[in-house]
Amino acid sequence: MTEERKPTTRNRKGKTNPPKESESLESRLWDAANRMRSSVEPGEYKHVVLGLVFLRYISDRFMLQHRAIEAELNDPDSDAFADGDETYLRETLEDRDEYTAEGVFWVPGGHRWDDLRAAGSQPDIGMRIDAAMEAIEKENPTLKGVLPKTYARQEYTPQMLGGLIDLLSRSDLVDEENKSLDILGRVYEYFLGKFATTEGKAGGEYYTPRAIVRTMVEMLEPFNGRVFDPACGSGGMFVQAEEFVKAHQGSRNDISVYGQEKNPTTWRLAKMNLALRGIEADRGPRWGDSFDDAMDPDLRADFI
């Protein structure tokens, strides 16, 4: 799907100036989402928004696999051809193993994005989102204890939650041309940075801008080997390391990523960020300070 045309301006010499960064898809979404915040503090609001971005992503990824399975079952030349067997078709489409075997998170029926979108105007939408988060964690052990489940709080009004669901249902959040969900990953990372800026640098917590992380990775040149980030934050170093490898015609399997993060909230945000990218990172079984609570003291990394 082609992104809407951005306005351009002409300078004094008549040359066309490129659109400003503030007019990007990510920033337009940020401005719209931010207008719905009302009295909710940024530190709390970020979990509302980022949790919904993640839920939209895994639901879309699930439905891509769902449609692929359905197409195969309806293809007469396929070994899995259903040949009009509605029961077989239905059971196969709802077979959890058909998804997890392909690295796709299983999203139970009734808790998918379209289900929440249909109920977006209901007064119990917060409870429905919490139930979806609970169900997804239960079905996907790697997400246990990671997803936010506080949407039923009184300050999160149905109008705010329903508005965010509508906003994040925009069709331009998926790159149809490449059948890619990478735009949602970009939005998630962009929002992380914007929330960090809004919240300030209290308590010594800093967010390293993407451009700086990219520069550091370009200097390290991690073509292959083990990459370790002892203060991995939201996982930006891992994302950029993978992009570096791909940009140099390598495979994501050329590198292994390891890291630690002492802040439990940031540790959870990183887990979602990496899941959006399909990156498997060994960040230990929990959060912890790498100075005095090393999760993998025997690790020998090639890049730190």
C-alpha atoms as a PDB file:
ATOM      1  CA  MET A   1       0.000   0.000   0.000  1.00  0.00           C
ATOM      2  CA  THR A   2       1.379   3.380  -0.965  1.00  0.00           C
ATOM      3  CA  GLU A   3       1.736   5.884   1.834  1.00  0.00           C
ATOM      4  CA  GLU A   4      -0.200   9.109   1.322  1.00  0.00           C
ATOM      5  CA  ARG A   5       1.693  11.836  -0.502  1.00  0.00           C
ATOM      6  CA  LYS A   6       3.425  14.266   1.829  1.00  0.00           C
ATOM      7  CA  PRO A   7       3.270  17.985   1.072  1.00  0.00           C
ATOM      8  CA  THR A   8       6.378  19.682  -0.260  1.00  0.00           C
ATOM      9  CA  THR A   9       7.511  23.283  -0.329  1.00  0.00           C
ATOM     10  CA  ARG A  10       9.760  25.263  -2.655  1.00  0.00           C
ATOM     11  CA  ASN A  11      12.697  27.361  -1.539  1.00  0.00           C
ATOM     12  CA  ARG A  12      13.751  30.710  -2.980  1.00  0.00           C
ATOM     13  CA  LYS A  13      15.608  29.022  -5.839  1.00  0.00           C
ATOM     14  CA  GLY A  14      12.490  27.086  -6.829  1.00  0.00           C
ATOM     15  CA  LYS A  15      13.843  23.727  -5.704  1.00  0.00           C
ATOM     16  CA  THR A  16      11.601  21.275  -3.911  1.00  0.00           C
ATOM     17  CA  ASN A  17      12.301  20.752  -0.235  1.00  0.00           C
ATOM     18  CA  PRO A  18      11.683  17.269   1.178  1.00  0.00           C
ATOM     19  CA  PRO A  19       8.876  16.796   3.732  1.00  0.00           C
ATOM     20  CA  LYS A  20       9.886  17.522   7.289  1.00  0.00           C
ATOM     21  CA  GLU A  21      10.444  14.604   9.681  1.00  0.00           C
ATOM     22  CA  SER A  22       7.496  15.853  11.713  1.00  0.00           C
ATOM     23  CA  GLU A  23       5.255  14.893   8.797  1.00  0.00           C
ATOM     24  CA  SER A  24       6.303  11.223   8.839  1.00  0.00           C
ATOM     25  CA  LEU A  25       3.813   8.447   9.468  1.00  0.00           C
ATOM     26  CA  GLU A  26       5.310   7.772  12.897  1.00  0.00           C
ATOM     27  CA  SER A  27       5.112  11.395  14.016  1.00  0.00           C
ATOM     28  CA  ARG A  28       1.552  11.817  12.739  1.00  0.00           C
ATOM     29  CA  LEU A  29       0.543   8.750  14.731  1.00  0.00           C
ATOM     30  CA  TRP A  30       2.379  10.107  17.783  1.00  0.00           C
ATOM     31  CA  ASP A  31       0.583  13.445  17.564  1.00  0.00           C
ATOM     32  CA  ALA A  32      -2.791  11.734  17.235  1.00  0.00           C
ATOM     33  CA  ALA A  33      -2.110   9.296  20.077  1.00  0.00           C
ATOM     34  CA  ASN A  34      -0.771  12.029  22.318  1.00  0.00           C
ATOM     35  CA  ARG A  35      -3.948  14.082  21.921  1.00  0.00           C
ATOM     36  CA  MET A  36      -5.879  11.227  23.560  1.00  0.00           C
ATOM     37  CA  ARG A  37      -3.734  11.132  26.662  1.00  0.00           C
ATOM     38  CA  SER A  38      -5.830  13.556  28.769  1.00  0.00           C
ATOM     39  CA  SER A  39      -4.678  13.348  32.402  1.00  0.00           C
ATOM     40  CA  VAL A  40      -2.660  10.124  32.138  1.00  0.00           C
ATOM     41  CA  GLU A  41       1.046  10.584  32.889  1.00  0.00           C
ATOM     42  CA  PRO A  42       3.531   9.714  30.092  1.00  0.00           C
ATOM     43  CA  GLY A  43       5.141   7.006  32.238  1.00  0.00           C
ATOM     44  CA  GLU A  44       1.800   5.201  32.464  1.00  0.00           C
ATOM     45  CA  TYR A  45       0.452   6.118  29.051  1.00  0.00           C
ATOM     46  CA  LYS A  46       3.402   4.568  27.235  1.00  0.00           C
ATOM     47  CA  HIS A  47       2.375   1.108  28.456  1.00  0.00           C
ATOM     48  CA  VAL A  48      -1.148   1.672  27.148  1.00  0.00           C
ATOM     49  CA  VAL A  49       0.044   2.672  23.679  1.00  0.00           C
ATOM     50  CA  LEU A  50       3.014   0.319  23.291  1.00  0.00           C
ATOM     51  CA  GLY A  51       0.999  -2.641  24.544  1.00  0.00           C
ATOM     52  CA  LEU A  52      -1.648  -1.974  21.899  1.00  0.00           C
ATOM     53  CA  VAL A  53       0.996  -1.589  19.158  1.00  0.00           C
ATOM     54  CA  PHE A  54       2.371  -4.969  20.155  1.00  0.00           C
ATOM     55  CA  LEU A  55      -1.090  -6.547  20.230  1.00  0.00           C
ATOM     56  CA  ARG A  56      -1.845  -5.172  16.767  1.00  0.00           C
ATOM     57  CA  TYR A  57       1.430  -6.603  15.473  1.00  0.00           C
ATOM     58  CA  ILE A  58       1.055 -10.145  16.761  1.00  0.00           C
ATOM     59  CA  SER A  59      -2.593 -10.235  15.635  1.00  0.00           C
ATOM     60  CA  ASP A  60      -1.622  -9.123  12.135  1.00  0.00           C
ATOM     61  CA  ARG A  61       1.230 -11.622  12.042  1.00  0.00           C
ATOM     62  CA  PHE A  62      -1.194 -14.325  13.152  1.00  0.00           C
ATOM     63  CA  MET A  63      -3.708 -13.404  10.449  1.00  0.00           C
ATOM     64  CA  LEU A  64      -1.023 -13.438   7.742  1.00  0.00           C
ATOM     65  CA  GLN A  65      -0.265 -17.031   8.696  1.00  0.00           C
ATOM     66  CA  HIS A  66      -3.999 -17.767   8.948  1.00  0.00           C
ATOM     67  CA  ARG A  67      -4.548 -16.620   5.353  1.00  0.00           C
ATOM     68  CA  ALA A  68      -1.505 -18.567   4.144  1.00  0.00           C
ATOM     69  CA  ILE A  69      -2.850 -21.780   5.712  1.00  0.00           C
ATOM     70  CA  GLU A  70      -6.307 -21.137   4.265  1.00  0.00           C
ATOM     71  CA  ALA A  71      -4.885 -20.591   0.791  1.00  0.00           C
ATOM     72  CA  GLU A  72      -2.966 -23.871   0.998  1.00  0.00           C
ATOM     73  CA  LEU A  73      -6.025 -25.779   2.181  1.00  0.00           C
ATOM     74  CA  ASN A  74      -8.032 -24.422  -0.758  1.00  0.00           C
ATOM     75  CA  ASP A  75      -5.334 -25.196  -3.334  1.00  0.00           C
ATOM     76  CA  PRO A  76      -6.142 -28.449  -5.225  1.00  0.00           C
ATOM     77  CA  ASP A  77      -2.442 -28.933  -5.966  1.00  0.00           C
ATOM     78  CA  SER A  78      -1.495 -28.811  -2.287  1.00  0.00           C
ATOM     79  CA  ASP A  79      -0.906 -31.922  -0.174  1.00  0.00           C
ATOM     80  CA  ALA A  80      -3.026 -30.254   2.531  1.00  0.00           C
ATOM     81  CA  PHE A  81      -6.001 -29.657   0.198  1.00  0.00           C
ATOM     82  CA  ALA A  82      -9.207 -29.742   2.277  1.00  0.00           C
ATOM     83  CA  ASP A  83     -11.395 -30.690  -0.713  1.00  0.00           C
ATOM     84  CA  GLY A  84     -14.465 -29.020   0.763  1.00  0.00           C
ATOM     85  CA  ASP A  85     -14.111 -30.642   4.183  1.00  0.00           C
ATOM     86  CA  GLU A  86     -15.322 -27.740   6.330  1.00  0.00           C
ATOM     87  CA  THR A  87     -14.565 -29.491   9.614  1.00  0.00           C
ATOM     88  CA  TYR A  88     -10.966 -30.231   8.603  1.00  0.00           C
ATOM     89  CA  LEU A  89     -10.571 -26.688   7.290  1.00  0.00           C
ATOM     90  CA  ARG A  90     -11.859 -25.123  10.494  1.00  0.00           C
ATOM     91  CA  GLU A  91      -9.835 -27.373  12.804  1.00  0.00           C
ATOM     92  CA  THR A  92      -6.619 -26.811  10.859  1.00  0.00           C
ATOM     93  CA  LEU A  93      -7.060 -23.048  10.847  1.00  0.00           C
ATOM     94  CA  GLU A  94      -7.425 -23.139  14.644  1.00  0.00           C
ATOM     95  CA  ASP A  95      -4.579 -25.599  15.219  1.00  0.00           C
ATOM     96  CA  ARG A  96      -2.084 -23.848  17.488  1.00  0.00           C
ATOM     97  CA  ASP A  97       0.852 -25.895  16.149  1.00  0.00           C
ATOM     98  CA  GLU A  98       0.264 -24.600  12.612  1.00  0.00           C
ATOM     99  CA  TYR A  99       1.328 -21.173  13.885  1.00  0.00           C
ATOM    100  CA  THR A 100       3.929 -21.789  16.566  1.00  0.00           C
ATOM    101  CA  ALA A 101       5.855 -24.108  14.217  1.00  0.00           C
ATOM    102  CA  GLU A 102       6.401 -21.064  11.993  1.00  0.00           C
ATOM    103  CA  GLY A 103       7.487 -18.828  14.869  1.00  0.00           C
ATOM    104  CA  VAL A 104       4.115 -17.070  15.012  1.00  0.00           C
ATOM    105  CA  PHE A 105       2.566 -16.228  18.376  1.00  0.00           C
ATOM    106  CA  TRP A 106      -0.735 -18.009  18.941  1.00  0.00           C
ATOM    107  CA  VAL A 107      -3.565 -15.505  19.473  1.00  0.00           C
ATOM    108  CA  PRO A 108      -6.704 -17.234  20.818  1.00  0.00           C
ATOM    109  CA  GLY A 109     -10.059 -16.621  19.190  1.00  0.00           C
ATOM    110  CA  GLY A 110     -11.999 -13.761  20.750  1.00  0.00           C
ATOM    111  CA  HIS A 111      -8.782 -11.958  21.677  1.00  0.00           C
ATOM    112  CA  ARG A 112      -7.565 -10.923  18.229  1.00  0.00           C
ATOM    113  CA  TRP A 113      -7.245  -7.350  17.020  1.00  0.00           C
ATOM    114  CA  ASP A 114     -10.428  -7.480  14.952  1.00  0.00           C
ATOM    115  CA  ASP A 115     -12.329  -8.711  18.022  1.00  0.00           C
ATOM    116  CA  LEU A 116     -11.103  -5.742  20.067  1.00  0.00           C
ATOM    117  CA  ARG A 117     -11.732  -3.341  17.210  1.00  0.00           C
ATOM    118  CA  ALA A 118     -15.338  -4.526  16.993  1.00  0.00           C
ATOM    119  CA  ALA A 119     -15.740  -3.907  20.741  1.00  0.00           C
ATOM    120  CA  GLY A 120     -13.809  -0.630  20.800  1.00  0.00           C
ATOM    121  CA  SER A 121     -16.843   1.462  21.746  1.00  0.00           C
ATOM    122  CA  GLN A 122     -17.995  -0.844  24.543  1.00  0.00           C
ATOM    123  CA  PRO A 123     -17.695   0.343  28.180  1.00  0.00           C
ATOM    124  CA  ASP A 124     -15.798  -2.840  29.106  1.00  0.00           C
ATOM    125  CA  ILE A 125     -13.132  -2.484  26.412  1.00  0.00           C
ATOM    126  CA  GLY A 126     -10.416  -2.127  29.074  1.00  0.00           C
ATOM    127  CA  MET A 127     -11.334  -5.482  30.600  1.00  0.00           C
ATOM    128  CA  ARG A 128     -11.424  -7.052  27.140  1.00  0.00           C
ATOM    129  CA  ILE A 129      -7.891  -5.843  26.392  1.00  0.00           C
ATOM    130  CA  ASP A 130      -6.625  -7.134  29.750  1.00  0.00           C
ATOM    131  CA  ALA A 131      -8.260 -10.506  29.017  1.00  0.00           C
ATOM    132  CA  ALA A 132      -6.553 -10.603  25.613  1.00  0.00           C
ATOM    133  CA  MET A 133      -3.159  -9.883  27.175  1.00  0.00           C
ATOM    134  CA  GLU A 134      -3.720 -12.591  29.796  1.00  0.00           C
ATOM    135  CA  ALA A 135      -4.796 -15.141  27.179  1.00  0.00           C
ATOM    136  CA  ILE A 136      -1.835 -14.395  24.899  1.00  0.00           C
ATOM    137  CA  GLU A 137       0.650 -14.717  27.762  1.00  0.00           C
ATOM    138  CA  LYS A 138      -0.937 -18.009  28.801  1.00  0.00           C
ATOM    139  CA  GLU A 139      -0.651 -19.426  25.285  1.00  0.00           C
ATOM    140  CA  ASN A 140       2.887 -18.113  24.656  1.00  0.00           C
ATOM    141  CA  PRO A 141       5.232 -18.857  27.587  1.00  0.00           C
ATOM    142  CA  THR A 142       8.007 -16.610  26.221  1.00  0.00           C
ATOM    143  CA  LEU A 143       5.736 -13.615  26.847  1.00  0.00           C
ATOM    144  CA  LYS A 144       4.877 -14.550  30.430  1.00  0.00           C
ATOM    145  CA  GLY A 145       4.995 -11.518  32.720  1.00  0.00           C
ATOM    146  CA  VAL A 146       5.801  -9.175  29.826  1.00  0.00           C
ATOM    147  CA  LEU A 147       2.530  -7.699  28.531  1.00  0.00           C
ATOM    148  CA  PRO A 148       0.728  -4.833  30.296  1.00  0.00           C
ATOM    149  CA  LYS A 149      -2.571  -5.795  31.924  1.00  0.00           C
ATOM    150  CA  THR A 150      -3.837  -2.559  33.438  1.00  0.00           C
ATOM    151  CA  TYR A 151      -6.280  -1.379  30.782  1.00  0.00           C
ATOM    152  CA  ALA A 152      -9.309  -1.701  33.069  1.00  0.00           C
ATOM    153  CA  ARG A 153      -8.086   1.163  35.267  1.00  0.00           C
ATOM    154  CA  GLN A 154     -10.652   3.908  35.761  1.00  0.00           C
ATOM    155  CA  GLU A 155      -8.490   6.649  34.243  1.00  0.00           C
ATOM    156  CA  TYR A 156      -8.236   4.707  30.966  1.00  0.00           C
ATOM    157  CA  THR A 157     -11.613   5.686  29.571  1.00  0.00           C
ATOM    158  CA  PRO A 158     -13.402   3.680  26.856  1.00  0.00           C
ATOM    159  CA  GLN A 159     -13.149   6.785  24.647  1.00  0.00           C
ATOM    160  CA  MET A 160      -9.365   6.881  25.018  1.00  0.00           C
ATOM    161  CA  LEU A 161      -8.876   3.137  24.489  1.00  0.00           C
ATOM    162  CA  GLY A 162     -11.373   2.953  21.635  1.00  0.00           C
ATOM    163  CA  GLY A 163      -9.719   5.952  19.978  1.00  0.00           C
ATOM    164  CA  LEU A 164      -6.286   4.337  20.210  1.00  0.00           C
ATOM    165  CA  ILE A 165      -7.618   1.082  18.764  1.00  0.00           C
ATOM    166  CA  ASP A 166      -9.121   3.001  15.830  1.00  0.00           C
ATOM    167  CA  LEU A 167      -5.866   4.920  15.350  1.00  0.00           C
ATOM    168  CA  LEU A 168      -3.754   1.773  15.360  1.00  0.00           C
ATOM    169  CA  SER A 169      -6.168   0.069  12.949  1.00  0.00           C
ATOM    170  CA  ARG A 170      -5.019   2.314  10.107  1.00  0.00           C
ATOM    171  CA  SER A 171      -4.284   0.346   6.961  1.00  0.00           C
ATOM    172  CA  ASP A 172      -1.014   2.191   6.322  1.00  0.00           C
ATOM    173  CA  LEU A 173       0.524   0.512   9.382  1.00  0.00           C
ATOM    174  CA  VAL A 174       1.259  -2.555   7.260  1.00  0.00           C
ATOM    175  CA  ASP A 175       3.468  -2.495   4.174  1.00  0.00           C
ATOM    176  CA  GLU A 176       1.221  -4.351   1.752  1.00  0.00           C
ATOM    177  CA  GLU A 177       3.716  -4.186  -1.098  1.00  0.00           C
ATOM    178  CA  ASN A 178       6.235  -6.293   0.789  1.00  0.00           C
ATOM    179  CA  LYS A 179       3.739  -8.076   3.046  1.00  0.00           C
ATOM    180  CA  SER A 180       5.861  -6.746   5.882  1.00  0.00           C
ATOM    181  CA  LEU A 181       4.929  -5.634   9.382  1.00  0.00           C
ATOM    182  CA  ASP A 182       8.156  -3.723   9.864  1.00  0.00           C
ATOM    183  CA  ILE A 183       6.314  -0.388   9.984  1.00  0.00           C
ATOM    184  CA  LEU A 184       4.793  -1.399  13.315  1.00  0.00           C
ATOM    185  CA  GLY A 185       8.299  -2.099  14.596  1.00  0.00           C
ATOM    186  CA  ARG A 186       9.352   1.375  13.477  1.00  0.00           C
ATOM    187  CA  VAL A 187       6.342   2.928  15.177  1.00  0.00           C
ATOM    188  CA  TYR A 188       7.105   1.058  18.402  1.00  0.00           C
ATOM    189  CA  GLU A 189      10.734   2.218  18.411  1.00  0.00           C
ATOM    190  CA  TYR A 190       9.777   5.787  17.503  1.00  0.00           C
ATOM    191  CA  PHE A 191       7.228   5.916  20.323  1.00  0.00           C
ATOM    192  CA  LEU A 192       9.797   4.580  22.789  1.00  0.00           C
ATOM    193  CA  GLY A 193      12.068   7.496  21.973  1.00  0.00           C
ATOM    194  CA  LYS A 194       9.261  10.066  22.114  1.00  0.00           C
ATOM    195  CA  PHE A 195       8.056   8.811  25.486  1.00  0.00           C
ATOM    196  CA  ALA A 196      11.618   8.921  26.813  1.00  0.00           C
ATOM    197  CA  THR A 197      11.913  12.550  25.686  1.00  0.00           C
ATOM    198  CA  THR A 198       8.555  13.418  27.252  1.00  0.00           C
ATOM    199  CA  GLU A 199       9.400  11.755  30.556  1.00  0.00           C
ATOM    200  CA  GLY A 200      12.811  13.373  30.827  1.00  0.00           C
ATOM    201  CA  LYS A 201      16.007  11.872  32.211  1.00  0.00           C
ATOM    202  CA  ALA A 202      14.913  11.303  35.821  1.00  0.00           C
ATOM    203  CA  GLY A 203      16.809   8.795  37.908  1.00  0.00           C
ATOM    204  CA  GLY A 204      19.692   8.468  35.466  1.00  0.00           C
ATOM    205  CA  GLU A 205      17.583   6.604  32.892  1.00  0.00           C
ATOM    206  CA  TYR A 206      18.592   7.634  29.377  1.00  0.00           C
ATOM    207  CA  TYR A 207      17.312   6.695  25.940  1.00  0.00           C
ATOM    208  CA  THR A 208      20.033   6.545  23.296  1.00  0.00           C
ATOM    209  CA  PRO A 209      18.728   8.038  20.024  1.00  0.00           C
ATOM    210  CA  ARG A 210      18.533   5.647  17.102  1.00  0.00           C
ATOM    211  CA  ALA A 211      21.057   7.647  15.056  1.00  0.00           C
ATOM    212  CA  ILE A 212      23.684   7.306  17.769  1.00  0.00           C
ATOM    213  CA  VAL A 213      23.080   3.575  18.173  1.00  0.00           C
ATOM    214  CA  ARG A 214      23.357   3.147  14.401  1.00  0.00           C
ATOM    215  CA  THR A 215      26.677   5.016  14.396  1.00  0.00           C
ATOM    216  CA  MET A 216      28.024   2.822  17.199  1.00  0.00           C
ATOM    217  CA  VAL A 217      27.036  -0.331  15.310  1.00  0.00           C
ATOM    218  CA  GLU A 218      28.653   0.969  12.113  1.00  0.00           C
ATOM    219  CA  MET A 219      31.866   1.490  14.091  1.00  0.00           C
ATOM    220  CA  LEU A 220      31.717  -1.991  15.651  1.00  0.00           C
ATOM    221  CA  GLU A 221      30.970  -3.690  12.294  1.00  0.00           C
ATOM    222  CA  PRO A 222      29.351  -6.837  13.729  1.00  0.00           C
ATOM    223  CA  PHE A 223      29.357  -8.904  10.538  1.00  0.00           C
ATOM    224  CA  ASN A 224      29.226 -12.116  12.552  1.00  0.00           C
ATOM    225  CA  GLY A 225      29.757 -13.336  16.094  1.00  0.00           C
ATOM    226  CA  ARG A 226      28.339 -12.610  19.530  1.00  0.00           C
ATOM    227  CA  VAL A 227      27.046  -9.136  20.317  1.00  0.00           C
ATOM    228  CA  PHE A 228      26.638  -8.219  23.991  1.00  0.00           C
ATOM    229  CA  ASP A 229      24.989  -5.100  25.422  1.00  0.00           C
ATOM    230  CA  PRO A 230      25.391  -4.991  29.240  1.00  0.00           C
ATOM    231  CA  ALA A 231      22.798  -2.203  29.543  1.00  0.00           C
ATOM    232  CA  CYS A 232      20.526  -3.074  26.635  1.00  0.00           C
ATOM    233  CA  GLY A 233      17.618  -0.771  27.489  1.00  0.00           C
ATOM    234  CA  SER A 234      14.793  -1.263  25.000  1.00  0.00           C
ATOM    235  CA  GLY A 235      16.971  -3.361  22.668  1.00  0.00           C
ATOM    236  CA  GLY A 236      17.963  -0.736  20.110  1.00  0.00           C
ATOM    237  CA  MET A 237      21.497  -2.097  19.762  1.00  0.00           C
ATOM    238  CA  PHE A 238      20.149  -5.519  18.805  1.00  0.00           C
ATOM    239  CA  VAL A 239      17.770  -4.036  16.228  1.00  0.00           C
ATOM    240  CA  GLN A 240      20.534  -1.977  14.632  1.00  0.00           C
ATOM    241  CA  ALA A 241      23.002  -4.879  14.668  1.00  0.00           C
ATOM    242  CA  GLU A 242      20.535  -7.019  12.739  1.00  0.00           C
ATOM    243  CA  GLU A 243      19.871  -4.187  10.265  1.00  0.00           C
ATOM    244  CA  PHE A 244      23.636  -3.789   9.767  1.00  0.00           C
ATOM    245  CA  VAL A 245      24.011  -7.477   8.929  1.00  0.00           C
ATOM    246  CA  LYS A 246      21.062  -7.386   6.515  1.00  0.00           C
ATOM    247  CA  ALA A 247      22.431  -4.230   4.847  1.00  0.00           C
ATOM    248  CA  HIS A 248      25.647  -6.129   4.117  1.00  0.00           C
ATOM    249  CA  GLN A 249      23.844  -9.083   2.550  1.00  0.00           C
ATOM    250  CA  GLY A 250      24.259 -11.235   5.642  1.00  0.00           C
ATOM    251  CA  SER A 251      21.779 -13.375   7.549  1.00  0.00           C
ATOM    252  CA  ARG A 252      20.381 -12.719  11.005  1.00  0.00           C
ATOM    253  CA  ASN A 253      21.853 -16.111  11.912  1.00  0.00           C
ATOM    254  CA  ASP A 254      25.331 -14.632  11.430  1.00  0.00           C
ATOM    255  CA  ILE A 255      25.122 -12.964  14.818  1.00  0.00           C
ATOM    256  CA  SER A 256      23.927 -13.947  18.292  1.00  0.00           C
ATOM    257  CA  VAL A 257      22.764 -11.197  20.629  1.00  0.00           C
ATOM    258  CA  TYR A 258      23.038 -11.135  24.407  1.00  0.00           C
ATOM    259  CA  GLY A 259      22.202  -8.469  26.925  1.00  0.00           C
ATOM    260  CA  GLN A 260      21.043  -7.386  30.337  1.00  0.00           C
ATOM    261  CA  GLU A 261      18.857  -4.619  31.680  1.00  0.00           C
ATOM    262  CA  LYS A 262      18.418  -3.675  35.322  1.00  0.00           C
ATOM    263  CA  ASN A 263      15.115  -1.806  34.987  1.00  0.00           C
ATOM    264  CA  PRO A 264      12.209  -4.310  35.023  1.00  0.00           C
ATOM    265  CA  THR A 265       9.895  -2.019  33.054  1.00  0.00           C
ATOM    266  CA  THR A 266      12.486  -1.403  30.342  1.00  0.00           C
ATOM    267  CA  TRP A 267      13.300  -5.128  30.302  1.00  0.00           C
ATOM    268  CA  ARG A 268       9.657  -5.867  29.435  1.00  0.00           C
ATOM    269  CA  LEU A 269       9.522  -3.134  26.787  1.00  0.00           C
ATOM    270  CA  ALA A 270      12.652  -4.592  25.192  1.00  0.00           C
ATOM    271  CA  LYS A 271      11.070  -8.035  25.125  1.00  0.00           C
ATOM    272  CA  MET A 272       8.150  -6.648  23.117  1.00  0.00           C
ATOM    273  CA  ASN A 273      10.414  -4.562  20.883  1.00  0.00           C
ATOM    274  CA  LEU A 274      12.524  -7.580  19.934  1.00  0.00           C
ATOM    275  CA  ALA A 275       9.458  -9.781  19.439  1.00  0.00           C
ATOM    276  CA  LEU A 276       8.157  -7.204  16.960  1.00  0.00           C
ATOM    277  CA  ARG A 277      11.350  -7.692  14.968  1.00  0.00           C
ATOM    278  CA  GLY A 278      11.482 -11.457  15.331  1.00  0.00           C
ATOM    279  CA  ILE A 279      14.843 -11.156  17.089  1.00  0.00           C
ATOM    280  CA  GLU A 280      15.773 -13.844  19.576  1.00  0.00           C
ATOM    281  CA  ALA A 281      18.036 -12.330  22.221  1.00  0.00           C
ATOM    282  CA  ASP A 282      19.402 -13.982  25.328  1.00  0.00           C
ATOM    283  CA  ARG A 283      18.730 -11.352  27.981  1.00  0.00           C
ATOM    284  CA  GLY A 284      18.696 -13.699  30.925  1.00  0.00           C
ATOM    285  CA  PRO A 285      15.650 -15.083  32.760  1.00  0.00           C
ATOM    286  CA  ARG A 286      14.974 -11.725  34.437  1.00  0.00           C
ATOM    287  CA  TRP A 287      16.236  -8.177  34.805  1.00  0.00           C
ATOM    288  CA  GLY A 288      19.430  -7.452  36.715  1.00  0.00           C
ATOM    289  CA  ASP A 289      22.459  -5.163  36.979  1.00  0.00           C
ATOM    290  CA  SER A 290      25.299  -6.557  34.853  1.00  0.00           C
ATOM    291  CA  PHE A 291      27.899  -5.091  37.283  1.00  0.00           C
ATOM    292  CA  ASP A 292      26.939  -7.160  40.327  1.00  0.00           C
ATOM    293  CA  ASP A 293      24.337  -9.617  39.024  1.00  0.00           C
ATOM    294  CA  ALA A 294      25.712 -11.008  35.765  1.00  0.00           C
ATOM    295  CA  MET A 295      23.268 -13.466  34.204  1.00  0.00           C
ATOM    296  CA  ASP A 296      25.911 -15.102  32.021  1.00  0.00           C
ATOM    297  CA  PRO A 297      29.337 -14.529  33.637  1.00  0.00           C
ATOM    298  CA  ASP A 298      31.038 -17.031  31.328  1.00  0.00           C
ATOM    299  CA  LEU A 299      29.940 -15.293  28.115  1.00  0.00           C
ATOM    300  CA  ARG A 300      32.771 -14.411  25.720  1.00  0.00           C
ATOM    301  CA  ALA A 301      31.469 -11.794  23.293  1.00  0.00           C
ATOM    302  CA  ASP A 302      32.995 -10.537  20.058  1.00  0.00           C
ATOM    303  CA  PHE A 303      31.339  -7.109  20.248  1.00  0.00           C
ATOM    304  CA  ILE A 304      30.327  -5.184  23.368  1.00  0.00           C
END
